[in-house]
Structure formats: structure tokens, C-alpha cells
Amino acid sequence: MKIAVRLVSLDGSLPAGFNASGEGTLDLTDGSSLADMLSGLKLPPEGAYAALVNGETVAPEVREGLALQENDEVVVFPPISGG
């Protein structure tokens, strides 16, 4: 299944297949969870990332149980920090 992904404000290089704007499409196995997708991106482990699926925030504790569907749109970004 195809999932549209946008990586926002990530430091460092983007995963293969993503354009300079952080947009890409992933081909995942049916039944893949949001946690599976995030793990496959191999983002730097020190980052705690926020994720939205189809515009809705998904808390870290439910990502493993959230099965993605064909044509879902996922946005991933680091938490806002500073002060």
C-alpha cells in the first residue's frame, strides 16, 4: 500500500526517496502500523518525533496499534523546543 509522508524540520539528511522538501511515498505491507513506518524511516534515535495521520495527532503510546491504510498521509516532525 502507498503512504504519502512529509518529514518537516528534520536535521541531517533525508531518507532515500524523499525530495528536498521532505516529501515522499512509502510502499508498505498491508497492516503496517505507524510504529512500523516510523521505525523503517531510520530517523536519528535521539529525536522524539510527533506524528499526524490524515491531520490527526497520534500519541506515541498508540502508534503500534494504529494500522495505516492505503493513501493515508503522514506528517512527522520533531517537537517544538526552545525558549
C-alpha atoms as a PDB file:
ATOM      1  CA  MET A   1       0.000   0.000   0.000  1.00  0.00           C
ATOM      2  CA  LYS A   2       1.163   3.533  -0.740  1.00  0.00           C
ATOM      3  CA  ILE A   3       1.504   6.077   2.077  1.00  0.00           C
ATOM      4  CA  ALA A   4       2.337   9.755   1.474  1.00  0.00           C
ATOM      5  CA  VAL A   5       4.872  11.014   4.021  1.00  0.00           C
ATOM      6  CA  ARG A   6       6.157  14.501   4.759  1.00  0.00           C
ATOM      7  CA  LEU A   7       9.163  14.983   7.038  1.00  0.00           C
ATOM      8  CA  VAL A   8       9.200  18.504   8.471  1.00  0.00           C
ATOM      9  CA  SER A   9      12.162  20.362  10.024  1.00  0.00           C
ATOM     10  CA  LEU A  10      14.417  17.352  10.396  1.00  0.00           C
ATOM     11  CA  ASP A  11      18.117  17.944  10.864  1.00  0.00           C
ATOM     12  CA  GLY A  12      20.529  15.962   8.746  1.00  0.00           C
ATOM     13  CA  SER A  13      19.932  14.008   5.574  1.00  0.00           C
ATOM     14  CA  LEU A  14      16.544  12.745   4.494  1.00  0.00           C
ATOM     15  CA  PRO A  15      15.874   9.037   3.937  1.00  0.00           C
ATOM     16  CA  ALA A  16      16.238   7.718   0.401  1.00  0.00           C
ATOM     17  CA  GLY A  17      13.310   8.536  -1.858  1.00  0.00           C
ATOM     18  CA  PHE A  18      12.398  11.842  -0.201  1.00  0.00           C
ATOM     19  CA  ASN A  19      12.714  15.131  -2.083  1.00  0.00           C
ATOM     20  CA  ALA A  20      14.390  18.269  -0.727  1.00  0.00           C
ATOM     21  CA  SER A  21      11.044  19.384   0.732  1.00  0.00           C
ATOM     22  CA  GLY A  22      10.868  16.204   2.821  1.00  0.00           C
ATOM     23  CA  GLU A  23       8.069  14.649   0.786  1.00  0.00           C
ATOM     24  CA  GLY A  24       7.998  11.052  -0.307  1.00  0.00           C
ATOM     25  CA  THR A  25       5.852   7.987  -0.805  1.00  0.00           C
ATOM     26  CA  LEU A  26       6.413   4.725   1.004  1.00  0.00           C
ATOM     27  CA  ASP A  27       5.212   1.332  -0.180  1.00  0.00           C
ATOM     28  CA  LEU A  28       4.292  -0.591   2.973  1.00  0.00           C
ATOM     29  CA  THR A  29       2.946  -4.062   3.594  1.00  0.00           C
ATOM     30  CA  ASP A  30      -0.805  -4.179   4.264  1.00  0.00           C
ATOM     31  CA  GLY A  31      -1.430  -3.984   8.009  1.00  0.00           C
ATOM     32  CA  SER A  32       1.726  -1.997   8.753  1.00  0.00           C
ATOM     33  CA  SER A  33       1.388   0.211  11.811  1.00  0.00           C
ATOM     34  CA  LEU A  34       2.500   3.800  12.217  1.00  0.00           C
ATOM     35  CA  ALA A  35       5.233   2.492  14.535  1.00  0.00           C
ATOM     36  CA  ASP A  36       6.426   0.123  11.766  1.00  0.00           C
ATOM     37  CA  MET A  37       6.590   3.013   9.296  1.00  0.00           C
ATOM     38  CA  LEU A  38       8.487   5.277  11.704  1.00  0.00           C
ATOM     39  CA  SER A  39      10.956   2.505  12.509  1.00  0.00           C
ATOM     40  CA  GLY A  40      11.568   1.931   8.801  1.00  0.00           C
ATOM     41  CA  LEU A  41      12.493   5.581   8.265  1.00  0.00           C
ATOM     42  CA  LYS A  42      15.569   5.106  10.472  1.00  0.00           C
ATOM     43  CA  LEU A  43      15.357   8.613  11.895  1.00  0.00           C
ATOM     44  CA  PRO A  44      18.042   9.629  14.399  1.00  0.00           C
ATOM     45  CA  PRO A  45      17.252   7.820  17.662  1.00  0.00           C
ATOM     46  CA  GLU A  46      17.778  10.888  19.843  1.00  0.00           C
ATOM     47  CA  GLY A  47      14.706  12.529  18.340  1.00  0.00           C
ATOM     48  CA  ALA A  48      11.269  12.211  19.862  1.00  0.00           C
ATOM     49  CA  TYR A  49       9.009  12.785  16.893  1.00  0.00           C
ATOM     50  CA  ALA A  50       5.445  13.982  16.667  1.00  0.00           C
ATOM     51  CA  ALA A  51       3.272  12.308  14.064  1.00  0.00           C
ATOM     52  CA  LEU A  52      -0.004  13.131  12.377  1.00  0.00           C
ATOM     53  CA  VAL A  53      -2.059  10.754  10.268  1.00  0.00           C
ATOM     54  CA  ASN A  54      -4.536  12.453   7.968  1.00  0.00           C
ATOM     55  CA  GLY A  55      -4.215  15.620  10.047  1.00  0.00           C
ATOM     56  CA  GLU A  56      -4.855  13.947  13.416  1.00  0.00           C
ATOM     57  CA  THR A  57      -2.145  13.770  16.095  1.00  0.00           C
ATOM     58  CA  VAL A  58      -1.200  10.220  17.080  1.00  0.00           C
ATOM     59  CA  ALA A  59       0.177   9.763  20.597  1.00  0.00           C
ATOM     60  CA  PRO A  60       3.314   7.610  20.911  1.00  0.00           C
ATOM     61  CA  GLU A  61       1.549   5.016  23.049  1.00  0.00           C
ATOM     62  CA  VAL A  62      -0.980   4.148  20.296  1.00  0.00           C
ATOM     63  CA  ARG A  63       1.317   4.120  17.253  1.00  0.00           C
ATOM     64  CA  GLU A  64       1.949   0.382  17.439  1.00  0.00           C
ATOM     65  CA  GLY A  65      -1.778  -0.342  17.274  1.00  0.00           C
ATOM     66  CA  LEU A  66      -2.644   2.146  14.519  1.00  0.00           C
ATOM     67  CA  ALA A  67      -2.775   0.287  11.212  1.00  0.00           C
ATOM     68  CA  LEU A  68      -2.148   2.566   8.253  1.00  0.00           C
ATOM     69  CA  GLN A  69      -4.446   2.432   5.229  1.00  0.00           C
ATOM     70  CA  GLU A  70      -3.825   2.915   1.505  1.00  0.00           C
ATOM     71  CA  ASN A  71      -3.420   6.635   0.664  1.00  0.00           C
ATOM     72  CA  ASP A  72      -3.019   7.779   4.288  1.00  0.00           C
ATOM     73  CA  GLU A  73      -0.988  10.953   4.690  1.00  0.00           C
ATOM     74  CA  VAL A  74       1.573  11.013   7.482  1.00  0.00           C
ATOM     75  CA  VAL A  75       3.484  14.078   8.707  1.00  0.00           C
ATOM     76  CA  VAL A  76       6.472  13.610  11.005  1.00  0.00           C
ATOM     77  CA  PHE A  77       8.292  16.399  12.812  1.00  0.00           C
ATOM     78  CA  PRO A  78      10.434  16.934  15.901  1.00  0.00           C
ATOM     79  CA  PRO A  79       8.756  18.504  18.912  1.00  0.00           C
ATOM     80  CA  ILE A  80       8.971  22.271  19.169  1.00  0.00           C
ATOM     81  CA  SER A  81      11.555  23.330  21.706  1.00  0.00           C
ATOM     82  CA  GLY A  82      13.425  26.389  22.778  1.00  0.00           C
ATOM     83  CA  GLY A  83      12.587  29.312  24.877  1.00  0.00           C
END
